[in-house]
Each structure stands twice: as C-alpha cells, then as structure tokens.
Amino acid sequence: MFVIKPYTRKELAYIYFPNSFTPKTATQSLRRMLEKCPRGVEVKKILQHKKNLSRADVETIVKIIGTP
C-alpha cells in the first residue's frame, strides 16, 4: 500500500518503477511518464530541481499520474 509522505526523487521513482536496474533508470522512466501526461509539465517543474519531495509534491504527482 502506497503512503503519501515525503520521498526523495529516487525513492519515488523506484516505487513507480521497482524493476529498474539503477536509480537513474527509474528517475528517467518517471520523467518520461510525466512528459506524456497532460499536466506532466507542472509535475516536471516540481521534480526539476528537488532531490527531496514534500508531502504536497508527492500528493500532486499521485493526483496527476495515479497511485503506483
């Protein structure tokens, strides 16, 4: 069960893509997924310069792309 709480960018990417071989691969996959969403640009701006995501950031991401 997914819990909305603060995560690092890498942690969140691994939650969405648990079979990724590296953190970089998971993060790139999450970024690509966001680029395909209509509101993905908004979320991409949230992720762009942050290593640590707040609870509100994670909640916004989940609302846009769904629960992992």
N, C-alpha and C. Protein backbone atom coordinates (compact mmCIF):
# COMPACT_ATOMS: atom_id res chain seq x y z
N MET A 1 0.84 -1.18 0.00
CA MET A 1 0.00 0.00 0.00
C MET A 1 0.89 1.24 0.00
N PHE A 2 0.57 2.17 -0.88
CA PHE A 2 1.35 3.39 -1.03
C PHE A 2 0.93 4.42 0.01
N VAL A 3 1.91 5.03 0.66
CA VAL A 3 1.66 6.06 1.66
C VAL A 3 2.16 7.39 1.12
N ILE A 4 1.29 8.41 1.18
CA ILE A 4 1.71 9.74 0.75
C ILE A 4 2.47 10.37 1.91
N LYS A 5 3.76 10.57 1.68
CA LYS A 5 4.66 11.16 2.66
C LYS A 5 5.84 11.74 1.89
N PRO A 6 6.73 12.46 2.54
CA PRO A 6 7.91 12.97 1.82
C PRO A 6 8.80 11.82 1.33
N TYR A 7 9.27 11.95 0.10
CA TYR A 7 10.18 10.98 -0.51
C TYR A 7 11.30 11.73 -1.21
N THR A 8 12.40 11.04 -1.44
CA THR A 8 13.39 11.60 -2.36
C THR A 8 12.90 11.29 -3.77
N ARG A 9 13.44 11.99 -4.72
CA ARG A 9 13.07 11.75 -6.11
C ARG A 9 13.35 10.31 -6.52
N LYS A 10 14.50 9.79 -6.10
CA LYS A 10 14.88 8.42 -6.43
C LYS A 10 13.95 7.41 -5.78
N GLU A 11 13.59 7.63 -4.52
CA GLU A 11 12.67 6.70 -3.83
C GLU A 11 11.33 6.63 -4.56
N LEU A 12 10.79 7.78 -4.91
CA LEU A 12 9.51 7.81 -5.59
C LEU A 12 9.60 7.14 -6.96
N ALA A 13 10.68 7.39 -7.66
CA ALA A 13 10.87 6.75 -8.97
C ALA A 13 10.94 5.23 -8.83
N TYR A 14 11.63 4.75 -7.80
CA TYR A 14 11.71 3.30 -7.57
C TYR A 14 10.37 2.70 -7.19
N ILE A 15 9.53 3.48 -6.52
CA ILE A 15 8.20 2.98 -6.17
C ILE A 15 7.37 2.80 -7.44
N TYR A 16 7.48 3.75 -8.36
CA TYR A 16 6.74 3.64 -9.62
C TYR A 16 7.37 2.61 -10.56
N PHE A 17 8.67 2.45 -10.52
CA PHE A 17 9.40 1.53 -11.41
C PHE A 17 10.33 0.63 -10.60
N PRO A 18 9.76 -0.33 -9.87
CA PRO A 18 10.58 -1.17 -8.98
C PRO A 18 11.54 -2.12 -9.70
N ASN A 19 11.32 -2.38 -10.96
CA ASN A 19 12.20 -3.30 -11.69
C ASN A 19 13.36 -2.61 -12.38
N SER A 20 13.54 -1.32 -12.14
CA SER A 20 14.65 -0.58 -12.75
C SER A 20 15.97 -1.06 -12.16
N PHE A 21 17.00 -1.08 -13.00
CA PHE A 21 18.31 -1.55 -12.56
C PHE A 21 19.07 -0.51 -11.75
N THR A 22 18.88 0.77 -12.08
CA THR A 22 19.60 1.82 -11.38
C THR A 22 18.64 2.96 -11.02
N PRO A 23 19.03 3.79 -10.05
CA PRO A 23 18.21 4.96 -9.72
C PRO A 23 18.03 5.89 -10.92
N LYS A 24 19.06 6.01 -11.72
CA LYS A 24 18.99 6.88 -12.89
C LYS A 24 17.92 6.38 -13.87
N THR A 25 17.88 5.08 -14.09
CA THR A 25 16.89 4.49 -15.00
C THR A 25 15.48 4.73 -14.47
N ALA A 26 15.27 4.53 -13.17
CA ALA A 26 13.95 4.74 -12.58
C ALA A 26 13.54 6.21 -12.70
N THR A 27 14.46 7.10 -12.42
CA THR A 27 14.16 8.54 -12.50
C THR A 27 13.85 8.95 -13.93
N GLN A 28 14.60 8.43 -14.89
CA GLN A 28 14.33 8.75 -16.30
C GLN A 28 12.97 8.21 -16.73
N SER A 29 12.62 7.03 -16.27
CA SER A 29 11.32 6.45 -16.61
C SER A 29 10.18 7.29 -16.03
N LEU A 30 10.34 7.75 -14.80
CA LEU A 30 9.32 8.60 -14.19
C LEU A 30 9.20 9.91 -14.96
N ARG A 31 10.33 10.47 -15.34
CA ARG A 31 10.30 11.73 -16.11
C ARG A 31 9.58 11.53 -17.44
N ARG A 32 9.87 10.44 -18.14
CA ARG A 32 9.20 10.16 -19.41
C ARG A 32 7.70 9.96 -19.23
N MET A 33 7.33 9.30 -18.15
CA MET A 33 5.92 9.09 -17.86
C MET A 33 5.21 10.43 -17.64
N LEU A 34 5.88 11.32 -16.93
CA LEU A 34 5.30 12.64 -16.67
C LEU A 34 5.17 13.47 -17.94
N GLU A 35 6.13 13.33 -18.84
CA GLU A 35 6.08 14.10 -20.09
C GLU A 35 4.88 13.71 -20.95
N LYS A 36 4.38 12.51 -20.79
CA LYS A 36 3.24 12.04 -21.58
C LYS A 36 1.91 12.51 -21.01
N CYS A 37 1.89 12.94 -19.76
CA CYS A 37 0.65 13.37 -19.12
C CYS A 37 0.31 14.81 -19.50
N PRO A 38 -0.98 15.13 -19.59
CA PRO A 38 -1.38 16.50 -19.93
C PRO A 38 -0.86 17.54 -18.93
N ARG A 39 -0.87 17.20 -17.65
CA ARG A 39 -0.37 18.13 -16.63
C ARG A 39 1.04 17.76 -16.20
N GLY A 40 1.70 16.95 -16.97
CA GLY A 40 3.03 16.49 -16.64
C GLY A 40 4.07 17.58 -16.55
N VAL A 41 3.88 18.64 -17.32
CA VAL A 41 4.81 19.77 -17.30
C VAL A 41 4.83 20.39 -15.91
N GLU A 42 3.66 20.48 -15.31
CA GLU A 42 3.53 21.02 -13.96
C GLU A 42 4.33 20.18 -12.97
N VAL A 43 4.19 18.88 -13.07
CA VAL A 43 4.89 17.98 -12.17
C VAL A 43 6.39 17.96 -12.47
N LYS A 44 6.73 18.03 -13.73
CA LYS A 44 8.15 18.05 -14.10
C LYS A 44 8.85 19.26 -13.46
N LYS A 45 8.15 20.38 -13.38
CA LYS A 45 8.71 21.55 -12.72
C LYS A 45 8.93 21.29 -11.23
N ILE A 46 8.04 20.53 -10.63
CA ILE A 46 8.19 20.18 -9.21
C ILE A 46 9.46 19.36 -9.03
N LEU A 47 9.67 18.39 -9.89
CA LEU A 47 10.80 17.48 -9.75
C LEU A 47 12.12 18.05 -10.21
N GLN A 48 12.08 19.06 -11.05
CA GLN A 48 13.27 19.52 -11.75
C GLN A 48 14.47 19.80 -10.86
N HIS A 49 14.32 20.58 -9.83
CA HIS A 49 15.48 20.98 -9.04
C HIS A 49 15.41 20.49 -7.59
N LYS A 50 14.57 19.50 -7.34
CA LYS A 50 14.43 19.00 -5.98
C LYS A 50 14.93 17.57 -5.86
N LYS A 51 15.69 17.33 -4.81
CA LYS A 51 16.07 15.95 -4.50
C LYS A 51 15.08 15.36 -3.51
N ASN A 52 14.55 16.22 -2.65
CA ASN A 52 13.58 15.79 -1.65
C ASN A 52 12.23 16.40 -1.97
N LEU A 53 11.21 15.55 -2.04
CA LEU A 53 9.86 16.00 -2.36
C LEU A 53 9.04 16.07 -1.08
N SER A 54 8.28 17.13 -0.95
CA SER A 54 7.42 17.27 0.22
C SER A 54 6.18 16.40 0.05
N ARG A 55 5.44 16.29 1.11
CA ARG A 55 4.19 15.51 1.07
C ARG A 55 3.25 16.09 0.03
N ALA A 56 3.18 17.43 -0.05
CA ALA A 56 2.31 18.09 -1.04
C ALA A 56 2.77 17.80 -2.47
N ASP A 57 4.08 17.77 -2.69
CA ASP A 57 4.61 17.43 -4.02
C ASP A 57 4.20 16.02 -4.42
N VAL A 58 4.36 15.09 -3.50
CA VAL A 58 4.01 13.69 -3.78
C VAL A 58 2.51 13.57 -4.03
N GLU A 59 1.71 14.27 -3.25
CA GLU A 59 0.26 14.24 -3.44
C GLU A 59 -0.13 14.76 -4.83
N THR A 60 0.50 15.83 -5.28
CA THR A 60 0.25 16.38 -6.60
C THR A 60 0.62 15.38 -7.69
N ILE A 61 1.76 14.75 -7.55
CA ILE A 61 2.21 13.77 -8.52
C ILE A 61 1.23 12.60 -8.60
N VAL A 62 0.78 12.11 -7.46
CA VAL A 62 -0.15 10.98 -7.42
C VAL A 62 -1.49 11.37 -8.05
N LYS A 63 -1.94 12.58 -7.83
CA LYS A 63 -3.19 13.03 -8.43
C LYS A 63 -3.09 13.06 -9.95
N ILE A 64 -1.93 13.41 -10.46
CA ILE A 64 -1.76 13.55 -11.90
C ILE A 64 -1.50 12.22 -12.60
N ILE A 65 -0.61 11.39 -12.05
CA ILE A 65 -0.26 10.16 -12.76
C ILE A 65 -0.82 8.90 -12.10
N GLY A 66 -1.44 9.05 -10.96
CA GLY A 66 -2.06 7.90 -10.31
C GLY A 66 -1.18 7.26 -9.27
N THR A 67 -1.79 6.36 -8.52
CA THR A 67 -1.09 5.64 -7.45
C THR A 67 -0.20 4.56 -8.06
N PRO A 68 1.03 4.45 -7.56
CA PRO A 68 1.90 3.39 -8.08
C PRO A 68 1.40 2.00 -7.74
